[in-house]
Amino acid sequence: MYGIELTPEHPVEQIVDFARQAEEEQFDAALVSSHYFNRDPFATLARIATETETIDIGPAAANPYEVHPVSMASNLATLQEISDGRAVFGIGPGDQSALNSLGISRDRPLRRVLESFKVARDLWNGERVSIDSTFHAADAGLEYDVSGTIPVYIGAQGPHMIRMSAKHADGLLLNASHPDDVAWAAQRVEEGLSDRPDDAGQFDFSVYASVSISENREEAREAARPPVAFIAADAPDPVLNRHGIDPENANNIGDAIERGDFTAAFDSVTPAMIDAFAAAGTIDDVSEQFSNILEYADGIVVGTPLGPDIMNAISLSKTALDRAIPSGLDQ
C-alpha cells in the first residue's frame, strides 16, 4: 500500500480537500487517524467517501477499546457500502497514554486486536457471533448484507503483534520510520508468515511512517514534534534503546500527554527522537529514507504530520515516493 494518513485535527471539509488531493496524486489509500481528542474518524470518512471515487479509505488505526468491536465492524461495513467497496480496516491497540486519559486499561492488546478483527470478518460474512473473552457479545449480527472484501491492516510495533499480523491479517501498518526498525520488523514478519495458512492470501507489509516534508528542512523537523511525542511516549524500551533514547525522557513525555499538557510534551522531543521516529526534511531527505525503508517493506503510508503546509506536503510526498520507487507510484 502507498497511502497517506489524514488527521482530523483540522475541519472535516479541509480533510476532504486533502483526500481529494491525495486521490489526484494517485495514492492508493487515504487513512484517517482515530483519537478521541480529534474529530470523529468515521464521520470524516463518510464525507471522504462521498467526495472521492477511486482511493481506498479507512481508519488508521481504530482501536477496539474506545469502541466495541461489534460496533466497529458495523462502522466498517457501512463505510464499505457508502464508498462502493473501497473500505480498509486499520485496527490497532491504541496509544496507552491517550487511553489512560479515558480510564481505559489496555489489557491483552494482542488478543483484543485478533479477536476484534476475526469477529468483524465473521459479521461481514453474515454470521452471528458470541464471544466471552477480551470483550463480550451474545448472538450479535448485522441486519444487512456486506458486499465485497474489506482488507484488515494491523497497526503494530511490537514483535508479537507483528508476527500475529503476518499470520492472520491482510496487511501490517508498522509504526516505524527508521530503516533499522523496519529491518528488525521484516524478520518478525517472516516469522509470522512461516505460520500463515496457505489460503490466507497475500500479505502486504507496509510501513506507517511519520513524515514531515517541506522545502525548508528545519520547518519540516519542527512540524514533526507532535507525532514524534506520541510515538516516543508509546515506544517500548527495546526500540528506545536501539536509538539511544533515554526511556525516562520518553516516559516524561507520556506523562505530559496523559495530563493534557501537549505543549510540554512536544517541547520535550529531542533531535534524536525526530531522527528515530520520523522522516523529516526536504524531498531529497525523505526520498532517501523511503528508499531505505523499501529495501525491507512492500509499501509506505505517509503519516502525520505530513508537513508544515499539508496540501503542499501531499504533493511533495508523492514526488519523494516516485523517486524511491523505481517504477513510480502510478505503476
Protein backbone atom coordinates (compact mmCIF):
# COMPACT_ATOMS: atom_id res chain seq x y z
CA MET A 1 0.00 0.00 0.00
CA TYR A 2 1.13 3.51 -0.82
CA GLY A 3 -1.18 5.62 1.27
CA ILE A 4 -1.48 8.81 3.23
CA GLU A 5 -2.75 9.50 6.74
CA LEU A 6 -5.11 12.40 7.36
CA THR A 7 -5.63 13.59 10.93
CA PRO A 8 -8.99 15.22 11.70
CA GLU A 9 -7.48 17.82 13.98
CA HIS A 10 -8.47 20.05 11.04
CA PRO A 11 -12.07 20.80 10.00
CA VAL A 12 -13.75 17.92 8.19
CA GLU A 13 -14.15 19.81 4.92
CA GLN A 14 -10.42 20.55 4.94
CA ILE A 15 -9.68 16.85 5.45
CA VAL A 16 -11.94 16.11 2.46
CA ASP A 17 -9.89 18.56 0.38
CA PHE A 18 -6.71 16.75 1.43
CA ALA A 19 -8.25 13.40 0.46
CA ARG A 20 -9.21 14.71 -2.97
CA GLN A 21 -5.65 15.95 -3.41
CA ALA A 22 -4.30 12.51 -2.42
CA GLU A 23 -6.61 10.89 -4.96
CA GLU A 24 -5.41 13.27 -7.69
CA GLU A 25 -1.83 12.35 -6.78
CA GLN A 26 -2.85 8.69 -7.17
CA PHE A 27 -2.15 7.45 -3.69
CA ASP A 28 -3.66 4.01 -3.08
CA ALA A 29 -5.40 4.92 0.17
CA ALA A 30 -6.36 7.77 2.47
CA LEU A 31 -6.45 6.63 6.10
CA VAL A 32 -7.97 8.77 8.86
CA SER A 33 -6.37 8.60 12.30
CA SER A 34 -8.52 7.75 15.31
CA HIS A 35 -8.03 9.71 18.55
CA TYR A 36 -10.74 10.78 20.97
CA PHE A 37 -9.40 14.34 21.06
CA ASN A 38 -9.80 14.83 17.28
CA ARG A 39 -12.93 14.84 15.15
CA ASP A 40 -14.76 11.57 14.68
CA PRO A 41 -12.92 9.41 12.12
CA PHE A 42 -15.95 7.60 10.73
CA ALA A 43 -17.97 10.77 10.21
CA THR A 44 -14.93 12.18 8.42
CA LEU A 45 -14.52 9.04 6.33
CA ALA A 46 -18.18 9.19 5.33
CA ARG A 47 -17.62 12.66 3.89
CA ILE A 48 -14.48 11.50 2.10
CA ALA A 49 -16.39 8.56 0.64
CA THR A 50 -18.93 10.85 -1.00
CA GLU A 51 -16.29 13.24 -2.39
CA THR A 52 -13.82 10.71 -3.87
CA GLU A 53 -14.16 7.94 -6.43
CA THR A 54 -11.14 5.64 -6.56
CA ILE A 55 -8.97 5.97 -3.46
CA ASP A 56 -9.37 3.35 -0.71
CA ILE A 57 -10.38 4.77 2.68
CA GLY A 58 -10.46 3.64 6.28
CA PRO A 59 -9.40 4.29 9.86
CA ALA A 60 -5.76 4.06 10.87
CA ALA A 61 -5.81 2.66 13.23
CA ALA A 62 -9.09 2.36 15.09
CA ASN A 63 -8.69 0.77 18.48
CA PRO A 64 -11.15 -1.75 19.91
CA TYR A 65 -11.06 -0.33 23.43
CA GLU A 66 -12.81 3.00 22.80
CA VAL A 67 -15.44 1.39 20.52
CA HIS A 68 -16.95 -2.07 20.99
CA PRO A 69 -15.55 -4.39 18.29
CA VAL A 70 -19.02 -5.36 17.04
CA SER A 71 -19.96 -1.70 16.61
CA MET A 72 -16.64 -1.09 14.90
CA ALA A 73 -17.32 -3.92 12.46
CA SER A 74 -20.63 -2.30 11.58
CA ASN A 75 -18.90 1.05 11.12
CA LEU A 76 -16.56 -0.53 8.57
CA ALA A 77 -19.39 -2.33 6.82
CA THR A 78 -21.28 0.96 6.50
CA LEU A 79 -18.18 2.64 5.10
CA GLN A 80 -17.82 -0.22 2.61
CA GLU A 81 -21.37 0.45 1.42
CA ILE A 82 -21.15 4.23 1.02
CA SER A 83 -17.72 4.07 -0.62
CA ASP A 84 -18.78 1.42 -3.15
CA GLY A 85 -16.36 -1.17 -1.81
CA ARG A 86 -13.30 0.95 -1.00
CA ALA A 87 -13.11 0.36 2.77
CA VAL A 88 -9.89 -0.68 4.52
CA PHE A 89 -9.95 -1.73 8.17
CA GLY A 90 -6.94 -0.36 10.01
CA ILE A 91 -7.01 -1.61 13.59
CA GLY A 92 -4.51 -1.39 16.45
CA PRO A 93 -4.34 -1.36 20.24
CA GLY A 94 -4.22 2.44 20.54
CA ASP A 95 -1.91 4.79 22.44
CA GLN A 96 -1.71 3.83 26.10
CA SER A 97 -1.20 7.45 27.18
CA ALA A 98 -4.40 8.51 25.39
CA LEU A 99 -6.38 5.54 26.72
CA ASN A 100 -5.24 6.41 30.24
CA SER A 101 -6.99 9.75 29.86
CA LEU A 102 -10.24 7.84 29.31
CA GLY A 103 -9.66 5.49 32.23
CA ILE A 104 -9.28 2.56 29.84
CA SER A 105 -6.81 -0.21 30.59
CA ARG A 106 -5.18 -1.74 27.51
CA ASP A 107 -5.41 -5.32 28.74
CA ARG A 108 -4.22 -8.18 26.49
CA PRO A 109 -3.81 -5.98 23.41
CA LEU A 110 -2.74 -8.72 21.01
CA ARG A 111 -5.69 -10.93 21.90
CA ARG A 112 -8.09 -7.94 21.80
CA VAL A 113 -7.00 -6.93 18.30
CA LEU A 114 -7.02 -10.50 16.98
CA GLU A 115 -10.45 -11.31 18.35
CA SER A 116 -11.83 -7.97 17.16
CA PHE A 117 -10.97 -8.38 13.50
CA LYS A 118 -11.84 -12.08 13.45
CA VAL A 119 -15.29 -11.25 14.82
CA ALA A 120 -15.57 -8.46 12.24
CA ARG A 121 -14.83 -10.89 9.41
CA ASP A 122 -17.48 -13.29 10.71
CA LEU A 123 -20.05 -10.49 10.91
CA TRP A 124 -19.25 -9.30 7.38
CA ASN A 125 -19.77 -12.87 6.19
CA GLY A 126 -23.30 -12.82 7.59
CA GLU A 127 -22.60 -14.92 10.66
CA ARG A 128 -23.86 -14.30 14.17
CA VAL A 129 -21.20 -14.19 16.87
CA SER A 130 -20.92 -14.89 20.56
CA ILE A 131 -17.72 -14.32 22.50
CA ASP A 132 -16.73 -14.06 26.14
CA SER A 133 -13.06 -13.19 26.20
CA THR A 134 -11.38 -9.78 25.93
CA PHE A 135 -14.84 -8.43 25.12
CA HIS A 136 -18.37 -9.81 25.27
CA ALA A 137 -21.03 -10.35 22.62
CA ALA A 138 -24.05 -12.64 22.65
CA ASP A 139 -25.60 -13.76 19.36
CA ALA A 140 -24.66 -10.46 17.69
CA GLY A 141 -25.14 -9.96 13.98
CA LEU A 142 -25.55 -7.35 11.28
CA GLU A 143 -29.04 -6.93 9.90
CA TYR A 144 -27.78 -6.05 6.43
CA ASP A 145 -25.52 -7.61 3.80
CA VAL A 146 -21.89 -6.60 3.33
CA SER A 147 -20.58 -6.82 -0.21
CA GLY A 148 -17.01 -7.32 -1.30
CA THR A 149 -13.95 -7.90 0.86
CA ILE A 150 -12.66 -5.47 3.49
CA PRO A 151 -8.90 -5.94 3.96
CA VAL A 152 -7.60 -5.84 7.53
CA TYR A 153 -4.38 -3.97 8.29
CA ILE A 154 -2.97 -4.11 11.81
CA GLY A 155 -1.16 -1.15 13.30
CA ALA A 156 1.75 -2.69 15.18
CA GLN A 157 5.17 -2.02 16.64
CA GLY A 158 6.00 -4.88 19.00
CA PRO A 159 7.27 -8.31 17.90
CA HIS A 160 4.24 -10.37 18.93
CA MET A 161 1.71 -8.07 17.23
CA ILE A 162 3.84 -8.02 14.07
CA ARG A 163 4.05 -11.81 13.94
CA MET A 164 0.33 -12.12 14.58
CA SER A 165 -0.37 -9.67 11.76
CA ALA A 166 1.68 -11.68 9.28
CA LYS A 167 -0.04 -14.89 10.32
CA HIS A 168 -3.66 -13.73 10.34
CA ALA A 169 -4.24 -10.30 8.72
CA ASP A 170 -4.16 -8.96 5.18
CA GLY A 171 -1.51 -6.38 5.95
CA LEU A 172 0.66 -4.64 8.51
CA LEU A 173 0.91 -0.94 9.23
CA LEU A 174 4.25 -0.89 11.01
CA ASN A 175 4.59 2.11 13.27
CA ALA A 176 8.14 2.99 12.30
CA SER A 177 10.11 5.48 10.24
CA HIS A 178 13.72 4.40 10.65
CA PRO A 179 15.18 1.72 8.35
CA ASP A 180 16.78 -0.08 11.31
CA ASP A 181 13.35 -0.60 12.89
CA VAL A 182 11.91 -1.74 9.55
CA ALA A 183 14.75 -4.23 9.05
CA TRP A 184 14.11 -5.67 12.51
CA ALA A 185 10.37 -5.85 11.83
CA ALA A 186 10.94 -7.60 8.50
CA GLN A 187 12.43 -10.53 10.39
CA ARG A 188 9.34 -10.70 12.63
CA VAL A 189 7.13 -10.61 9.53
CA GLU A 190 8.98 -13.58 8.07
CA GLU A 191 8.49 -15.47 11.33
CA GLY A 192 4.76 -14.83 11.19
CA LEU A 193 4.49 -15.71 7.51
CA SER A 194 6.04 -19.09 8.22
CA ASP A 195 2.85 -19.96 10.14
CA ARG A 196 0.44 -18.28 7.73
CA PRO A 197 -2.30 -20.59 6.38
CA ASP A 198 -1.99 -21.38 2.68
CA ASP A 199 -5.46 -20.00 1.97
CA ALA A 200 -4.88 -16.67 3.77
CA GLY A 201 -3.86 -14.83 0.60
CA GLN A 202 -1.06 -12.38 0.01
CA PHE A 203 0.30 -10.23 2.83
CA ASP A 204 1.19 -6.55 2.48
CA PHE A 205 3.97 -5.28 4.76
CA SER A 206 3.53 -1.51 4.77
CA VAL A 207 5.35 0.99 6.95
CA TYR A 208 3.21 3.62 8.63
CA ALA A 209 5.88 6.33 8.79
CA SER A 210 5.60 9.71 10.43
CA VAL A 211 6.58 12.11 7.65
CA SER A 212 7.19 15.85 7.67
CA ILE A 213 8.29 17.22 4.33
CA SER A 214 8.95 20.76 3.16
CA GLU A 215 11.33 22.78 1.02
CA ASN A 216 12.69 24.04 4.37
CA ARG A 217 14.40 21.29 6.37
CA GLU A 218 14.15 23.00 9.78
CA GLU A 219 10.48 23.83 9.35
CA ALA A 220 9.83 20.21 8.45
CA ARG A 221 11.65 18.94 11.53
CA GLU A 222 9.83 21.37 13.81
CA ALA A 223 6.46 20.24 12.46
CA ALA A 224 7.39 16.63 13.30
CA ARG A 225 7.42 17.26 17.06
CA PRO A 226 3.75 16.44 17.91
CA PRO A 227 3.52 12.99 16.30
CA VAL A 228 7.02 12.09 17.43
CA ALA A 229 5.98 12.88 21.01
CA PHE A 230 3.15 10.33 20.80
CA ILE A 231 5.38 7.74 19.14
CA ALA A 232 8.19 8.17 21.69
CA ALA A 233 5.76 8.03 24.61
CA ASP A 234 4.38 4.68 23.47
CA ALA A 235 7.63 3.14 22.20
CA PRO A 236 8.83 0.05 24.09
CA ASP A 237 12.21 0.19 25.78
CA PRO A 238 13.96 -2.06 23.20
CA VAL A 239 13.03 0.43 20.45
CA LEU A 240 14.17 3.40 22.54
CA ASN A 241 17.41 1.64 23.37
CA ARG A 242 18.00 0.81 19.71
CA HIS A 243 18.17 4.54 19.02
CA GLY A 244 19.96 5.60 22.21
CA ILE A 245 16.92 7.38 23.68
CA ASP A 246 16.54 7.53 27.46
CA PRO A 247 13.30 5.70 28.40
CA GLU A 248 12.81 8.14 31.28
CA ASN A 249 12.61 11.04 28.84
CA ALA A 250 10.02 9.16 26.80
CA ASN A 251 8.04 8.36 29.96
CA ASN A 252 8.02 12.05 30.89
CA ILE A 253 6.54 12.87 27.50
CA GLY A 254 3.86 10.24 28.04
CA ASP A 255 3.04 11.71 31.47
CA ALA A 256 2.64 15.16 29.90
CA ILE A 257 0.31 13.78 27.21
CA GLU A 258 -1.75 11.95 29.81
CA ARG A 259 -2.33 15.15 31.82
CA GLY A 260 -3.15 17.08 28.65
CA ASP A 261 -0.03 19.24 28.70
CA PHE A 262 0.72 18.84 24.99
CA THR A 263 2.99 21.89 24.85
CA ALA A 264 5.33 20.37 27.43
CA ALA A 265 5.21 17.02 25.64
CA PHE A 266 6.07 18.48 22.25
CA ASP A 267 8.80 20.75 23.65
CA SER A 268 10.45 17.70 25.24
CA VAL A 269 11.01 15.99 21.88
CA THR A 270 14.74 15.82 21.13
CA PRO A 271 16.53 15.84 17.75
CA ALA A 272 17.42 12.19 18.33
CA MET A 273 13.73 11.35 18.70
CA ILE A 274 12.93 13.10 15.42
CA ASP A 275 15.73 11.17 13.68
CA ALA A 276 14.44 7.89 15.09
CA PHE A 277 10.70 8.33 14.72
CA ALA A 278 10.13 10.47 11.63
CA ALA A 279 11.20 11.01 8.05
CA ALA A 280 11.60 14.77 8.31
CA GLY A 281 13.26 17.17 5.89
CA THR A 282 13.34 18.03 2.22
CA ILE A 283 12.28 15.88 -0.74
CA ASP A 284 15.83 14.56 -1.01
CA ASP A 285 15.96 13.69 2.72
CA VAL A 286 12.61 11.95 2.76
CA SER A 287 13.08 10.15 -0.57
CA GLU A 288 16.36 8.68 0.64
CA GLN A 289 14.69 7.43 3.82
CA PHE A 290 11.81 5.97 1.79
CA SER A 291 14.30 4.14 -0.43
CA ASN A 292 16.00 2.62 2.60
CA ILE A 293 12.64 1.57 4.08
CA LEU A 294 11.55 -0.08 0.82
CA GLU A 295 14.55 -2.37 0.92
CA TYR A 296 12.53 -4.30 3.53
CA ALA A 297 8.87 -3.31 3.14
CA ASP A 298 6.23 -3.56 0.41
CA GLY A 299 4.78 -0.09 0.82
CA ILE A 300 4.63 3.13 2.81
CA VAL A 301 1.79 5.09 4.36
CA VAL A 302 2.84 8.72 4.66
CA GLY A 303 1.77 9.54 8.20
CA THR A 304 1.09 12.67 10.17
CA PRO A 305 2.08 15.49 10.32
CA LEU A 306 2.86 15.37 6.55
CA GLY A 307 4.48 18.81 6.78
CA PRO A 308 4.02 22.46 7.77
CA ASP A 309 1.87 23.00 4.65
CA ILE A 310 -0.25 19.88 4.32
CA MET A 311 -1.57 20.38 0.79
CA ASN A 312 1.95 21.05 -0.46
CA ALA A 313 3.28 18.14 1.59
CA ILE A 314 0.88 15.72 -0.11
CA SER A 315 2.40 16.61 -3.48
CA LEU A 316 5.96 16.61 -2.14
CA SER A 317 5.40 13.18 -0.57
CA LYS A 318 4.18 11.83 -3.90
CA THR A 319 7.36 13.13 -5.54
CA ALA A 320 9.50 11.57 -2.80
CA LEU A 321 7.75 8.22 -3.24
CA ASP A 322 8.14 8.34 -7.02
CA ARG A 323 11.87 8.86 -6.58
CA ALA A 324 12.09 6.00 -4.08
CA ILE A 325 10.13 3.52 -6.21
CA PRO A 326 11.93 2.67 -9.46
CA SER A 327 8.71 2.15 -11.42
CA GLY A 328 6.93 5.13 -9.85
CA LEU A 329 3.83 5.18 -7.67
CA ASP A 330 1.49 5.41 -10.66
CA GLN A 331 2.50 1.91 -11.67
